[in-house]
Amino acid sequence: MEKHMTNTIKAILFLALSYIVTGCSTATLPPATVHQSNTSDVSSYKYLIGAGDAVNIFVWRHPEVSGSFTVRPDGMITTSLVEDIPVSGKTPTELARSIEEILATYLRDPVVTVTVNQFIGPFSEQIRVIGEATEPQSINYIQHMTLLDVMIRVGGLTEFANGNGAVLVRVKNGQQKQYEIYIEDLIKNGEISANVDVLPGDIIVIPETWF
């Protein structure tokens, strides 16, 4: 996980530096996908537990080992019966089955239910907005989230932003791809056709205007 985080941070810094140096570049990029509710990548999304999440573990007929636990920065939790259970990167259902296997050593036929009460998610699933956003930040991904949702969360564009020169960076099948996005058309001109899908791990780079 640490290696992945380091690589992601390096990618963000590289992109930021690239757009500071080449903010006026006219290179043509393919447009990002317009929002569609039946997009397979969006509809198949399942929430993954991450560091900082609060998970509630209920073990049927065993309240002594049930409870609420906060996922540590190393992606693990410690329960009253078992220490260092890895949970980060798993869905609640996957975690429930994993805990059942662990508890089977101590309990007969344990039945476990896991719910998440505080949503942060894995570092790799967060959407990052850098550059000329009012409040550049990392955002937790929500299913069917669009560019408009992201821009509302970051407070829109600064007065110096080149919103229509922004780029969406996405890693898919190990390959990094860049797409044109038209944020100014979307939030200032109301062009709903510019409201594209965002996916877990996307990076949005908003350059400064040069004139």
N, C-alpha and C. Protein backbone atom coordinates (compact mmCIF):
# COMPACT_ATOMS: atom_id res chain seq x y z
N MET A 1 0.83 -1.20 0.00
CA MET A 1 0.00 0.00 0.00
C MET A 1 0.87 1.25 0.00
N GLU A 2 1.96 1.25 0.80
CA GLU A 2 2.84 2.42 0.86
C GLU A 2 3.45 2.70 -0.50
N LYS A 3 3.83 1.64 -1.23
CA LYS A 3 4.43 1.81 -2.55
C LYS A 3 3.41 2.43 -3.49
N HIS A 4 2.15 1.96 -3.42
CA HIS A 4 1.11 2.50 -4.28
C HIS A 4 0.87 3.97 -3.97
N MET A 5 0.83 4.32 -2.70
CA MET A 5 0.62 5.70 -2.31
C MET A 5 1.75 6.58 -2.82
N THR A 6 2.99 6.11 -2.71
CA THR A 6 4.15 6.88 -3.16
C THR A 6 4.08 7.11 -4.66
N ASN A 7 3.73 6.07 -5.42
CA ASN A 7 3.63 6.20 -6.87
C ASN A 7 2.53 7.18 -7.26
N THR A 8 1.42 7.15 -6.53
CA THR A 8 0.31 8.05 -6.83
C THR A 8 0.71 9.49 -6.56
N ILE A 9 1.38 9.73 -5.44
CA ILE A 9 1.83 11.08 -5.11
C ILE A 9 2.82 11.59 -6.16
N LYS A 10 3.73 10.73 -6.60
CA LYS A 10 4.68 11.13 -7.63
C LYS A 10 3.96 11.50 -8.92
N ALA A 11 2.92 10.71 -9.25
CA ALA A 11 2.16 10.99 -10.47
C ALA A 11 1.47 12.33 -10.40
N ILE A 12 0.91 12.64 -9.22
CA ILE A 12 0.22 13.92 -9.04
C ILE A 12 1.20 15.08 -9.16
N LEU A 13 2.37 14.98 -8.52
CA LEU A 13 3.37 16.03 -8.58
C LEU A 13 3.88 16.22 -10.00
N PHE A 14 4.08 15.12 -10.70
CA PHE A 14 4.55 15.19 -12.08
C PHE A 14 3.54 15.91 -12.96
N LEU A 15 2.24 15.56 -12.77
CA LEU A 15 1.20 16.19 -13.57
C LEU A 15 1.11 17.67 -13.28
N ALA A 16 1.18 18.02 -11.99
CA ALA A 16 1.09 19.42 -11.61
C ALA A 16 2.23 20.22 -12.24
N LEU A 17 3.45 19.69 -12.17
CA LEU A 17 4.60 20.37 -12.75
C LEU A 17 4.46 20.49 -14.26
N SER A 18 3.95 19.44 -14.89
CA SER A 18 3.80 19.44 -16.34
C SER A 18 2.86 20.53 -16.79
N TYR A 19 1.78 20.74 -16.03
CA TYR A 19 0.80 21.72 -16.44
C TYR A 19 1.20 23.15 -16.07
N ILE A 20 2.07 23.28 -15.10
CA ILE A 20 2.63 24.60 -14.83
C ILE A 20 3.54 25.03 -15.98
N VAL A 21 4.32 24.06 -16.48
CA VAL A 21 5.27 24.36 -17.54
C VAL A 21 4.59 24.46 -18.90
N THR A 22 3.57 23.62 -19.15
CA THR A 22 2.95 23.54 -20.48
C THR A 22 1.48 23.89 -20.44
N GLY A 23 1.11 24.82 -19.59
CA GLY A 23 -0.30 25.18 -19.43
C GLY A 23 -0.94 25.70 -20.69
N CYS A 24 -0.16 26.21 -21.60
CA CYS A 24 -0.74 26.75 -22.83
C CYS A 24 -0.61 25.77 -23.99
N SER A 25 -0.30 24.52 -23.71
CA SER A 25 -0.14 23.51 -24.75
C SER A 25 -1.44 23.31 -25.51
N THR A 26 -1.34 23.04 -26.83
CA THR A 26 -2.52 22.83 -27.66
C THR A 26 -2.67 21.37 -28.04
N ALA A 27 -2.00 20.46 -27.35
CA ALA A 27 -2.09 19.05 -27.66
C ALA A 27 -3.54 18.59 -27.57
N THR A 28 -3.97 17.79 -28.54
CA THR A 28 -5.35 17.32 -28.58
C THR A 28 -5.48 16.02 -27.81
N LEU A 29 -6.46 15.97 -26.92
CA LEU A 29 -6.74 14.78 -26.13
C LEU A 29 -8.14 14.30 -26.45
N PRO A 30 -8.42 13.01 -26.27
CA PRO A 30 -9.79 12.53 -26.48
C PRO A 30 -10.71 13.05 -25.39
N PRO A 31 -11.98 13.29 -25.71
CA PRO A 31 -12.91 13.76 -24.68
C PRO A 31 -13.26 12.65 -23.71
N ALA A 32 -13.56 13.02 -22.47
CA ALA A 32 -14.00 12.04 -21.49
C ALA A 32 -15.42 11.61 -21.81
N THR A 33 -15.85 10.49 -21.21
CA THR A 33 -17.16 9.92 -21.49
C THR A 33 -18.27 10.71 -20.83
N VAL A 34 -19.31 11.02 -21.59
CA VAL A 34 -20.48 11.70 -21.03
C VAL A 34 -21.20 10.76 -20.09
N HIS A 35 -21.76 11.33 -19.01
CA HIS A 35 -22.41 10.52 -17.98
C HIS A 35 -23.51 9.65 -18.55
N GLN A 36 -23.47 8.35 -18.23
CA GLN A 36 -24.52 7.42 -18.58
C GLN A 36 -24.77 6.53 -17.37
N SER A 37 -26.03 6.40 -16.97
CA SER A 37 -26.33 5.65 -15.75
C SER A 37 -26.04 4.17 -15.90
N ASN A 38 -25.95 3.68 -17.16
CA ASN A 38 -25.70 2.26 -17.36
C ASN A 38 -24.26 1.96 -17.75
N THR A 39 -23.37 2.93 -17.56
CA THR A 39 -21.95 2.69 -17.84
C THR A 39 -21.45 1.54 -16.99
N SER A 40 -20.84 0.53 -17.61
CA SER A 40 -20.49 -0.69 -16.89
C SER A 40 -19.51 -0.44 -15.76
N ASP A 41 -18.51 0.42 -15.99
CA ASP A 41 -17.52 0.69 -14.95
C ASP A 41 -18.16 1.33 -13.73
N VAL A 42 -19.19 2.15 -13.95
CA VAL A 42 -19.86 2.84 -12.86
C VAL A 42 -20.80 1.89 -12.12
N SER A 43 -21.61 1.16 -12.89
CA SER A 43 -22.64 0.32 -12.28
C SER A 43 -22.06 -0.86 -11.52
N SER A 44 -20.87 -1.30 -11.92
CA SER A 44 -20.25 -2.44 -11.26
C SER A 44 -19.45 -2.05 -10.02
N TYR A 45 -19.42 -0.76 -9.70
CA TYR A 45 -18.61 -0.30 -8.58
C TYR A 45 -19.13 -0.85 -7.25
N LYS A 46 -18.23 -1.31 -6.41
CA LYS A 46 -18.55 -1.76 -5.06
C LYS A 46 -17.63 -1.04 -4.09
N TYR A 47 -18.20 -0.55 -3.00
CA TYR A 47 -17.41 0.22 -2.05
C TYR A 47 -16.36 -0.66 -1.39
N LEU A 48 -15.14 -0.15 -1.31
CA LEU A 48 -14.04 -0.84 -0.65
C LEU A 48 -13.69 -0.10 0.64
N ILE A 49 -13.49 -0.85 1.68
CA ILE A 49 -13.15 -0.29 2.99
C ILE A 49 -11.72 0.25 2.96
N GLY A 50 -11.51 1.38 3.63
CA GLY A 50 -10.18 1.97 3.67
C GLY A 50 -9.81 2.47 5.06
N ALA A 51 -8.57 2.90 5.21
CA ALA A 51 -8.09 3.42 6.49
C ALA A 51 -8.94 4.60 6.93
N GLY A 52 -9.32 4.61 8.20
CA GLY A 52 -10.15 5.68 8.75
C GLY A 52 -11.62 5.35 8.76
N ASP A 53 -12.04 4.33 8.00
CA ASP A 53 -13.44 3.93 8.02
C ASP A 53 -13.82 3.36 9.39
N ALA A 54 -15.06 3.60 9.78
CA ALA A 54 -15.60 2.99 11.00
C ALA A 54 -16.47 1.82 10.57
N VAL A 55 -16.09 0.62 10.96
CA VAL A 55 -16.84 -0.57 10.57
C VAL A 55 -17.51 -1.18 11.80
N ASN A 56 -18.75 -1.61 11.60
CA ASN A 56 -19.49 -2.28 12.67
C ASN A 56 -19.55 -3.77 12.34
N ILE A 57 -19.02 -4.56 13.25
CA ILE A 57 -18.98 -6.02 13.06
C ILE A 57 -19.95 -6.67 14.04
N PHE A 58 -20.95 -7.35 13.50
CA PHE A 58 -21.94 -8.04 14.32
C PHE A 58 -21.77 -9.55 14.13
N VAL A 59 -21.49 -10.24 15.24
CA VAL A 59 -21.36 -11.69 15.22
C VAL A 59 -22.58 -12.27 15.92
N TRP A 60 -23.41 -12.95 15.18
CA TRP A 60 -24.68 -13.47 15.70
C TRP A 60 -24.46 -14.36 16.92
N ARG A 61 -25.19 -14.01 17.99
CA ARG A 61 -25.13 -14.73 19.27
C ARG A 61 -23.81 -14.56 20.02
N HIS A 62 -22.97 -13.66 19.56
CA HIS A 62 -21.69 -13.42 20.25
C HIS A 62 -21.44 -11.92 20.38
N PRO A 63 -22.23 -11.25 21.22
CA PRO A 63 -22.04 -9.80 21.39
C PRO A 63 -20.68 -9.44 21.97
N GLU A 64 -20.04 -10.40 22.65
CA GLU A 64 -18.75 -10.11 23.27
C GLU A 64 -17.64 -9.88 22.24
N VAL A 65 -17.82 -10.37 21.03
CA VAL A 65 -16.81 -10.13 19.99
C VAL A 65 -17.35 -9.21 18.89
N SER A 66 -18.56 -8.68 19.09
CA SER A 66 -19.12 -7.71 18.16
C SER A 66 -18.69 -6.31 18.58
N GLY A 67 -18.88 -5.34 17.69
CA GLY A 67 -18.57 -3.96 18.06
C GLY A 67 -18.21 -3.10 16.88
N SER A 68 -17.92 -1.83 17.15
CA SER A 68 -17.50 -0.89 16.12
C SER A 68 -16.00 -0.68 16.22
N PHE A 69 -15.34 -0.64 15.07
CA PHE A 69 -13.89 -0.54 15.04
C PHE A 69 -13.47 0.44 13.94
N THR A 70 -12.41 1.20 14.20
CA THR A 70 -11.87 2.13 13.21
C THR A 70 -10.67 1.49 12.53
N VAL A 71 -10.67 1.53 11.20
CA VAL A 71 -9.57 0.92 10.44
C VAL A 71 -8.32 1.77 10.61
N ARG A 72 -7.25 1.13 11.04
CA ARG A 72 -5.99 1.83 11.28
C ARG A 72 -5.33 2.26 9.96
N PRO A 73 -4.34 3.16 10.03
CA PRO A 73 -3.63 3.57 8.81
C PRO A 73 -2.96 2.42 8.06
N ASP A 74 -2.67 1.32 8.77
CA ASP A 74 -2.07 0.16 8.09
C ASP A 74 -3.12 -0.75 7.47
N GLY A 75 -4.40 -0.34 7.53
CA GLY A 75 -5.46 -1.11 6.88
C GLY A 75 -5.98 -2.27 7.70
N MET A 76 -5.69 -2.30 9.00
CA MET A 76 -6.12 -3.41 9.86
C MET A 76 -6.98 -2.91 11.00
N ILE A 77 -7.68 -3.86 11.64
CA ILE A 77 -8.42 -3.57 12.87
C ILE A 77 -8.04 -4.60 13.92
N THR A 78 -8.29 -4.26 15.16
CA THR A 78 -8.06 -5.17 16.27
C THR A 78 -9.37 -5.34 17.01
N THR A 79 -9.83 -6.58 17.14
CA THR A 79 -11.06 -6.87 17.87
C THR A 79 -10.73 -7.43 19.25
N SER A 80 -11.75 -7.68 20.02
CA SER A 80 -11.54 -8.21 21.38
C SER A 80 -11.01 -9.63 21.37
N LEU A 81 -11.12 -10.32 20.23
CA LEU A 81 -10.68 -11.71 20.16
C LEU A 81 -9.47 -11.90 19.25
N VAL A 82 -9.39 -11.12 18.20
CA VAL A 82 -8.33 -11.31 17.21
C VAL A 82 -7.64 -9.98 16.92
N GLU A 83 -6.32 -9.98 16.93
CA GLU A 83 -5.56 -8.78 16.59
C GLU A 83 -5.19 -8.78 15.11
N ASP A 84 -5.01 -7.60 14.57
CA ASP A 84 -4.47 -7.40 13.23
C ASP A 84 -5.23 -8.17 12.14
N ILE A 85 -6.50 -7.83 11.99
CA ILE A 85 -7.30 -8.38 10.90
C ILE A 85 -7.20 -7.42 9.71
N PRO A 86 -6.68 -7.85 8.56
CA PRO A 86 -6.58 -6.95 7.40
C PRO A 86 -7.96 -6.71 6.79
N VAL A 87 -8.33 -5.45 6.62
CA VAL A 87 -9.66 -5.12 6.12
C VAL A 87 -9.63 -4.17 4.91
N SER A 88 -8.59 -3.36 4.78
CA SER A 88 -8.54 -2.36 3.72
C SER A 88 -8.55 -3.00 2.35
N GLY A 89 -9.35 -2.44 1.44
CA GLY A 89 -9.44 -2.97 0.09
C GLY A 89 -10.48 -4.04 -0.09
N LYS A 90 -11.22 -4.39 0.97
CA LYS A 90 -12.26 -5.41 0.88
C LYS A 90 -13.64 -4.75 0.91
N THR A 91 -14.61 -5.40 0.28
CA THR A 91 -15.99 -4.95 0.42
C THR A 91 -16.49 -5.41 1.78
N PRO A 92 -17.57 -4.82 2.31
CA PRO A 92 -18.11 -5.29 3.59
C PRO A 92 -18.44 -6.78 3.57
N THR A 93 -18.97 -7.28 2.46
CA THR A 93 -19.31 -8.70 2.38
C THR A 93 -18.06 -9.57 2.40
N GLU A 94 -17.03 -9.16 1.66
CA GLU A 94 -15.78 -9.91 1.66
C GLU A 94 -15.17 -9.93 3.06
N LEU A 95 -15.24 -8.80 3.76
CA LEU A 95 -14.70 -8.75 5.11
C LEU A 95 -15.47 -9.67 6.04
N ALA A 96 -16.80 -9.69 5.91
CA ALA A 96 -17.61 -10.57 6.76
C ALA A 96 -17.22 -12.03 6.59
N ARG A 97 -17.04 -12.45 5.32
CA ARG A 97 -16.65 -13.85 5.08
C ARG A 97 -15.24 -14.12 5.64
N SER A 98 -14.34 -13.14 5.50
CA SER A 98 -12.98 -13.32 6.01
C SER A 98 -12.98 -13.46 7.53
N ILE A 99 -13.79 -12.64 8.21
CA ILE A 99 -13.86 -12.71 9.67
C ILE A 99 -14.49 -14.02 10.12
N GLU A 100 -15.46 -14.52 9.36
CA GLU A 100 -16.06 -15.82 9.70
C GLU A 100 -15.00 -16.91 9.68
N GLU A 101 -14.13 -16.88 8.68
CA GLU A 101 -13.06 -17.89 8.60
C GLU A 101 -12.11 -17.77 9.79
N ILE A 102 -11.80 -16.54 10.17
CA ILE A 102 -10.88 -16.34 11.31
C ILE A 102 -11.52 -16.80 12.61
N LEU A 103 -12.79 -16.42 12.82
CA LEU A 103 -13.47 -16.75 14.07
C LEU A 103 -13.82 -18.23 14.18
N ALA A 104 -13.85 -18.93 13.05
CA ALA A 104 -14.17 -20.36 13.08
C ALA A 104 -13.16 -21.14 13.92
N THR A 105 -11.98 -20.56 14.12
CA THR A 105 -10.97 -21.20 14.98
C THR A 105 -11.40 -21.17 16.44
N TYR A 106 -12.21 -20.16 16.80
CA TYR A 106 -12.59 -19.95 18.20
C TYR A 106 -14.07 -20.24 18.47
N LEU A 107 -14.91 -20.05 17.45
CA LEU A 107 -16.35 -20.18 17.63
C LEU A 107 -16.92 -21.20 16.63
N ARG A 108 -18.04 -21.78 17.01
CA ARG A 108 -18.67 -22.77 16.13
C ARG A 108 -19.61 -22.07 15.14
N ASP A 109 -19.36 -22.26 13.86
CA ASP A 109 -20.19 -21.73 12.78
C ASP A 109 -20.56 -20.25 12.99
N PRO A 110 -19.58 -19.37 13.08
CA PRO A 110 -19.89 -17.95 13.27
C PRO A 110 -20.59 -17.35 12.05
N VAL A 111 -21.55 -16.47 12.33
CA VAL A 111 -22.24 -15.74 11.27
C VAL A 111 -21.98 -14.25 11.49
N VAL A 112 -21.35 -13.61 10.52
CA VAL A 112 -20.89 -12.24 10.68
C VAL A 112 -21.54 -11.31 9.66
N THR A 113 -21.93 -10.13 10.12
CA THR A 113 -22.41 -9.06 9.26
C THR A 113 -21.55 -7.83 9.48
N VAL A 114 -21.13 -7.19 8.39
CA VAL A 114 -20.29 -5.99 8.48
C VAL A 114 -21.01 -4.82 7.81
N THR A 115 -21.08 -3.70 8.52
CA THR A 115 -21.60 -2.46 7.94
C THR A 115 -20.56 -1.36 8.14
N VAL A 116 -20.60 -0.35 7.28
CA VAL A 116 -19.66 0.76 7.37
C VAL A 116 -20.43 2.00 7.81
N ASN A 117 -19.94 2.66 8.86
CA ASN A 117 -20.63 3.82 9.41
C ASN A 117 -19.97 5.14 9.04
N GLN A 118 -18.71 5.09 8.64
CA GLN A 118 -17.97 6.30 8.26
C GLN A 118 -17.18 5.99 7.01
N PHE A 119 -17.45 6.72 5.93
CA PHE A 119 -16.89 6.35 4.64
C PHE A 119 -15.70 7.24 4.26
N ILE A 120 -14.56 6.62 4.13
CA ILE A 120 -13.36 7.29 3.63
C ILE A 120 -12.82 6.53 2.42
N GLY A 121 -12.70 5.22 2.56
CA GLY A 121 -12.27 4.40 1.44
C GLY A 121 -10.76 4.38 1.27
N PRO A 122 -10.26 3.45 0.45
CA PRO A 122 -8.83 3.35 0.23
C PRO A 122 -8.27 4.58 -0.48
N PHE A 123 -7.01 4.85 -0.23
CA PHE A 123 -6.31 5.98 -0.86
C PHE A 123 -6.43 5.90 -2.37
N SER A 124 -6.31 4.69 -2.92
CA SER A 124 -6.31 4.51 -4.37
C SER A 124 -7.66 4.79 -5.01
N GLU A 125 -8.74 4.83 -4.21
CA GLU A 125 -10.08 5.05 -4.74
C GLU A 125 -10.48 6.51 -4.75
N GLN A 126 -9.70 7.36 -4.12
CA GLN A 126 -10.08 8.76 -3.99
C GLN A 126 -9.85 9.54 -5.28
N ILE A 127 -10.69 10.53 -5.51
CA ILE A 127 -10.54 11.42 -6.65
C ILE A 127 -9.76 12.64 -6.19
N ARG A 128 -8.73 13.04 -6.97
CA ARG A 128 -7.88 14.15 -6.59
C ARG A 128 -8.05 15.30 -7.56
N VAL A 129 -8.24 16.48 -7.03
CA VAL A 129 -8.38 17.69 -7.85
C VAL A 129 -7.24 18.62 -7.49
N ILE A 130 -6.40 18.96 -8.47
CA ILE A 130 -5.26 19.83 -8.23
C ILE A 130 -5.29 20.99 -9.22
N GLY A 131 -4.58 22.04 -8.88
CA GLY A 131 -4.53 23.21 -9.75
C GLY A 131 -5.51 24.28 -9.31
N GLU A 132 -6.15 24.93 -10.29
CA GLU A 132 -6.96 26.11 -10.04
C GLU A 132 -8.41 25.81 -9.66
N ALA A 133 -8.59 24.93 -8.70
CA ALA A 133 -9.89 24.75 -8.05
C ALA A 133 -9.88 25.64 -6.80
N THR A 134 -11.07 26.07 -6.38
CA THR A 134 -11.13 26.93 -5.19
C THR A 134 -10.57 26.23 -3.97
N GLU A 135 -10.88 24.93 -3.83
CA GLU A 135 -10.38 24.14 -2.70
C GLU A 135 -9.83 22.81 -3.22
N PRO A 136 -8.61 22.80 -3.78
CA PRO A 136 -8.04 21.53 -4.28
C PRO A 136 -7.97 20.51 -3.13
N GLN A 137 -8.38 19.29 -3.43
CA GLN A 137 -8.42 18.28 -2.36
C GLN A 137 -8.66 16.90 -2.94
N SER A 138 -8.55 15.90 -2.06
CA SER A 138 -8.94 14.52 -2.39
C SER A 138 -10.37 14.31 -1.93
N ILE A 139 -11.15 13.62 -2.74
CA ILE A 139 -12.57 13.42 -2.49
C ILE A 139 -12.88 11.93 -2.49
N ASN A 140 -13.71 11.49 -1.58
CA ASN A 140 -14.13 10.10 -1.56
C ASN A 140 -15.08 9.84 -2.73
N TYR A 141 -14.85 8.76 -3.45
CA TYR A 141 -15.70 8.43 -4.59
C TYR A 141 -17.05 7.92 -4.12
N ILE A 142 -18.10 8.35 -4.83
CA ILE A 142 -19.46 7.87 -4.61
C ILE A 142 -19.98 7.35 -5.93
N GLN A 143 -20.66 6.21 -5.92
CA GLN A 143 -21.16 5.61 -7.15
C GLN A 143 -21.97 6.60 -7.97
N HIS A 144 -21.74 6.59 -9.28
CA HIS A 144 -22.39 7.48 -10.26
C HIS A 144 -21.99 8.94 -10.07
N MET A 145 -20.86 9.19 -9.45
CA MET A 145 -20.38 10.57 -9.29
C MET A 145 -19.96 11.12 -10.65
N THR A 146 -20.26 12.40 -10.86
CA THR A 146 -19.91 13.06 -12.12
C THR A 146 -18.98 14.24 -11.86
N LEU A 147 -18.52 14.83 -12.95
CA LEU A 147 -17.64 15.99 -12.86
C LEU A 147 -18.30 17.13 -12.10
N LEU A 148 -19.59 17.34 -12.32
CA LEU A 148 -20.30 18.41 -11.62
C LEU A 148 -20.29 18.17 -10.11
N ASP A 149 -20.50 16.93 -9.69
CA ASP A 149 -20.46 16.61 -8.25
C ASP A 149 -19.10 16.96 -7.66
N VAL A 150 -18.05 16.62 -8.40
CA VAL A 150 -16.68 16.89 -7.93
C VAL A 150 -16.45 18.39 -7.80
N MET A 151 -16.85 19.15 -8.81
CA MET A 151 -16.60 20.59 -8.79
C MET A 151 -17.39 21.29 -7.69
N ILE A 152 -18.56 20.79 -7.36
CA ILE A 152 -19.30 21.35 -6.23
C ILE A 152 -18.53 21.13 -4.94
N ARG A 153 -17.94 19.94 -4.81
CA ARG A 153 -17.19 19.61 -3.59
C ARG A 153 -15.94 20.49 -3.44
N VAL A 154 -15.33 20.89 -4.54
CA VAL A 154 -14.09 21.69 -4.45
C VAL A 154 -14.36 23.18 -4.59
N GLY A 155 -15.63 23.56 -4.64
CA GLY A 155 -15.98 24.98 -4.64
C GLY A 155 -15.86 25.69 -5.98
N GLY A 156 -15.78 24.92 -7.07
CA GLY A 156 -15.70 25.54 -8.39
C GLY A 156 -14.29 25.95 -8.78
N LEU A 157 -14.20 26.87 -9.74
CA LEU A 157 -12.92 27.32 -10.28
C LEU A 157 -12.48 28.64 -9.65
N THR A 158 -11.18 28.88 -9.63
CA THR A 158 -10.67 30.19 -9.24
C THR A 158 -10.82 31.15 -10.42
N GLU A 159 -10.62 32.42 -10.18
CA GLU A 159 -10.74 33.40 -11.25
C GLU A 159 -9.61 33.28 -12.27
N PHE A 160 -8.57 32.56 -11.93
CA PHE A 160 -7.43 32.41 -12.83
C PHE A 160 -7.45 31.07 -13.58
N ALA A 161 -8.50 30.28 -13.40
CA ALA A 161 -8.53 28.93 -13.95
C ALA A 161 -8.83 28.92 -15.45
N ASN A 162 -8.17 28.01 -16.14
CA ASN A 162 -8.51 27.69 -17.53
C ASN A 162 -9.35 26.42 -17.49
N GLY A 163 -10.63 26.59 -17.18
CA GLY A 163 -11.50 25.44 -16.96
C GLY A 163 -11.65 24.54 -18.16
N ASN A 164 -11.66 25.11 -19.36
CA ASN A 164 -11.80 24.30 -20.56
C ASN A 164 -10.48 23.70 -21.03
N GLY A 165 -9.41 24.00 -20.31
CA GLY A 165 -8.11 23.39 -20.61
C GLY A 165 -7.77 22.30 -19.62
N ALA A 166 -8.74 21.95 -18.76
CA ALA A 166 -8.51 20.93 -17.72
C ALA A 166 -8.40 19.54 -18.34
N VAL A 167 -7.75 18.67 -17.60
CA VAL A 167 -7.51 17.30 -18.07
C VAL A 167 -7.89 16.31 -16.98
N LEU A 168 -8.54 15.23 -17.38
CA LEU A 168 -8.84 14.13 -16.47
C LEU A 168 -7.84 13.02 -16.75
N VAL A 169 -7.12 12.58 -15.73
CA VAL A 169 -6.13 11.52 -15.86
C VAL A 169 -6.68 10.26 -15.20
N ARG A 170 -6.66 9.17 -15.95
CA ARG A 170 -7.24 7.91 -15.46
C ARG A 170 -6.30 6.75 -15.78
N VAL A 171 -6.11 5.88 -14.81
CA VAL A 171 -5.30 4.68 -15.02
C VAL A 171 -6.25 3.50 -15.21
N LYS A 172 -6.12 2.84 -16.34
CA LYS A 172 -6.98 1.70 -16.65
C LYS A 172 -6.15 0.59 -17.25
N ASN A 173 -6.25 -0.60 -16.66
CA ASN A 173 -5.47 -1.74 -17.11
C ASN A 173 -3.97 -1.43 -17.11
N GLY A 174 -3.56 -0.66 -16.09
CA GLY A 174 -2.15 -0.35 -15.93
C GLY A 174 -1.64 0.76 -16.84
N GLN A 175 -2.51 1.32 -17.67
CA GLN A 175 -2.11 2.37 -18.60
C GLN A 175 -2.73 3.71 -18.18
N GLN A 176 -1.90 4.76 -18.17
CA GLN A 176 -2.38 6.10 -17.83
C GLN A 176 -2.89 6.79 -19.08
N LYS A 177 -4.13 7.28 -19.03
CA LYS A 177 -4.73 7.97 -20.16
C LYS A 177 -5.22 9.35 -19.72
N GLN A 178 -5.21 10.29 -20.65
CA GLN A 178 -5.66 11.65 -20.37
C GLN A 178 -6.82 11.99 -21.29
N TYR A 179 -7.78 12.75 -20.73
CA TYR A 179 -8.98 13.10 -21.48
C TYR A 179 -9.28 14.59 -21.30
N GLU A 180 -9.82 15.20 -22.36
CA GLU A 180 -10.27 16.58 -22.27
C GLU A 180 -11.54 16.67 -21.43
N ILE A 181 -11.64 17.68 -20.59
CA ILE A 181 -12.88 17.99 -19.90
C ILE A 181 -13.10 19.49 -19.96
N TYR A 182 -14.36 19.89 -19.99
CA TYR A 182 -14.69 21.29 -20.21
C TYR A 182 -15.47 21.82 -19.00
N ILE A 183 -14.69 22.12 -17.96
CA ILE A 183 -15.30 22.51 -16.69
C ILE A 183 -15.98 23.87 -16.79
N GLU A 184 -15.37 24.80 -17.50
CA GLU A 184 -15.97 26.13 -17.62
C GLU A 184 -17.30 26.07 -18.35
N ASP A 185 -17.36 25.29 -19.43
CA ASP A 185 -18.63 25.13 -20.15
C ASP A 185 -19.70 24.54 -19.23
N LEU A 186 -19.28 23.62 -18.37
CA LEU A 186 -20.22 22.95 -17.49
C LEU A 186 -20.77 23.87 -16.41
N ILE A 187 -19.89 24.51 -15.64
CA ILE A 187 -20.36 25.22 -14.45
C ILE A 187 -20.66 26.70 -14.68
N LYS A 188 -20.13 27.27 -15.78
CA LYS A 188 -20.40 28.68 -16.04
C LYS A 188 -21.43 28.88 -17.16
N ASN A 189 -21.44 27.94 -18.13
CA ASN A 189 -22.36 28.07 -19.25
C ASN A 189 -23.51 27.07 -19.21
N GLY A 190 -23.48 26.19 -18.22
CA GLY A 190 -24.58 25.24 -18.07
C GLY A 190 -24.65 24.17 -19.15
N GLU A 191 -23.50 23.84 -19.75
CA GLU A 191 -23.48 22.81 -20.78
C GLU A 191 -23.49 21.42 -20.12
N ILE A 192 -24.67 20.85 -19.96
CA ILE A 192 -24.80 19.57 -19.28
C ILE A 192 -24.09 18.45 -20.04
N SER A 193 -23.92 18.62 -21.34
CA SER A 193 -23.22 17.61 -22.12
C SER A 193 -21.76 17.46 -21.68
N ALA A 194 -21.25 18.45 -20.94
CA ALA A 194 -19.87 18.39 -20.43
C ALA A 194 -19.79 17.67 -19.10
N ASN A 195 -20.92 17.22 -18.58
CA ASN A 195 -20.94 16.55 -17.28
C ASN A 195 -20.57 15.08 -17.44
N VAL A 196 -19.29 14.78 -17.37
CA VAL A 196 -18.79 13.43 -17.65
C VAL A 196 -18.70 12.60 -16.38
N ASP A 197 -18.60 11.30 -16.58
CA ASP A 197 -18.38 10.38 -15.46
C ASP A 197 -17.01 10.60 -14.84
N VAL A 198 -16.91 10.40 -13.54
CA VAL A 198 -15.61 10.22 -12.90
C VAL A 198 -15.60 8.84 -12.27
N LEU A 199 -14.42 8.28 -12.14
CA LEU A 199 -14.26 6.93 -11.60
C LEU A 199 -13.25 6.94 -10.46
N PRO A 200 -13.26 5.92 -9.61
CA PRO A 200 -12.30 5.87 -8.51
C PRO A 200 -10.87 6.01 -9.00
N GLY A 201 -10.09 6.86 -8.31
CA GLY A 201 -8.69 7.04 -8.65
C GLY A 201 -8.41 8.11 -9.69
N ASP A 202 -9.46 8.74 -10.24
CA ASP A 202 -9.25 9.79 -11.24
C ASP A 202 -8.50 10.99 -10.65
N ILE A 203 -7.72 11.64 -11.48
CA ILE A 203 -7.04 12.89 -11.12
C ILE A 203 -7.50 13.97 -12.09
N ILE A 204 -7.95 15.10 -11.57
CA ILE A 204 -8.39 16.23 -12.38
C ILE A 204 -7.39 17.36 -12.21
N VAL A 205 -6.79 17.77 -13.32
CA VAL A 205 -5.77 18.81 -13.30
C VAL A 205 -6.34 20.06 -13.97
N ILE A 206 -6.41 21.17 -13.23
CA ILE A 206 -6.96 22.42 -13.75
C ILE A 206 -5.84 23.44 -13.86
N PRO A 207 -5.42 23.78 -15.09
CA PRO A 207 -4.31 24.72 -15.25
C PRO A 207 -4.75 26.16 -15.06
N GLU A 208 -3.76 27.03 -14.93
CA GLU A 208 -4.00 28.46 -14.86
C GLU A 208 -4.08 29.04 -16.27
N THR A 209 -5.00 29.97 -16.45
CA THR A 209 -5.09 30.60 -17.76
C THR A 209 -3.86 31.48 -18.00
N TRP A 210 -3.46 31.59 -19.27
CA TRP A 210 -2.25 32.33 -19.62
C TRP A 210 -2.57 33.66 -20.27
N PHE A 211 -3.83 34.07 -20.27
CA PHE A 211 -4.18 35.37 -20.83
C PHE A 211 -5.47 35.86 -20.22
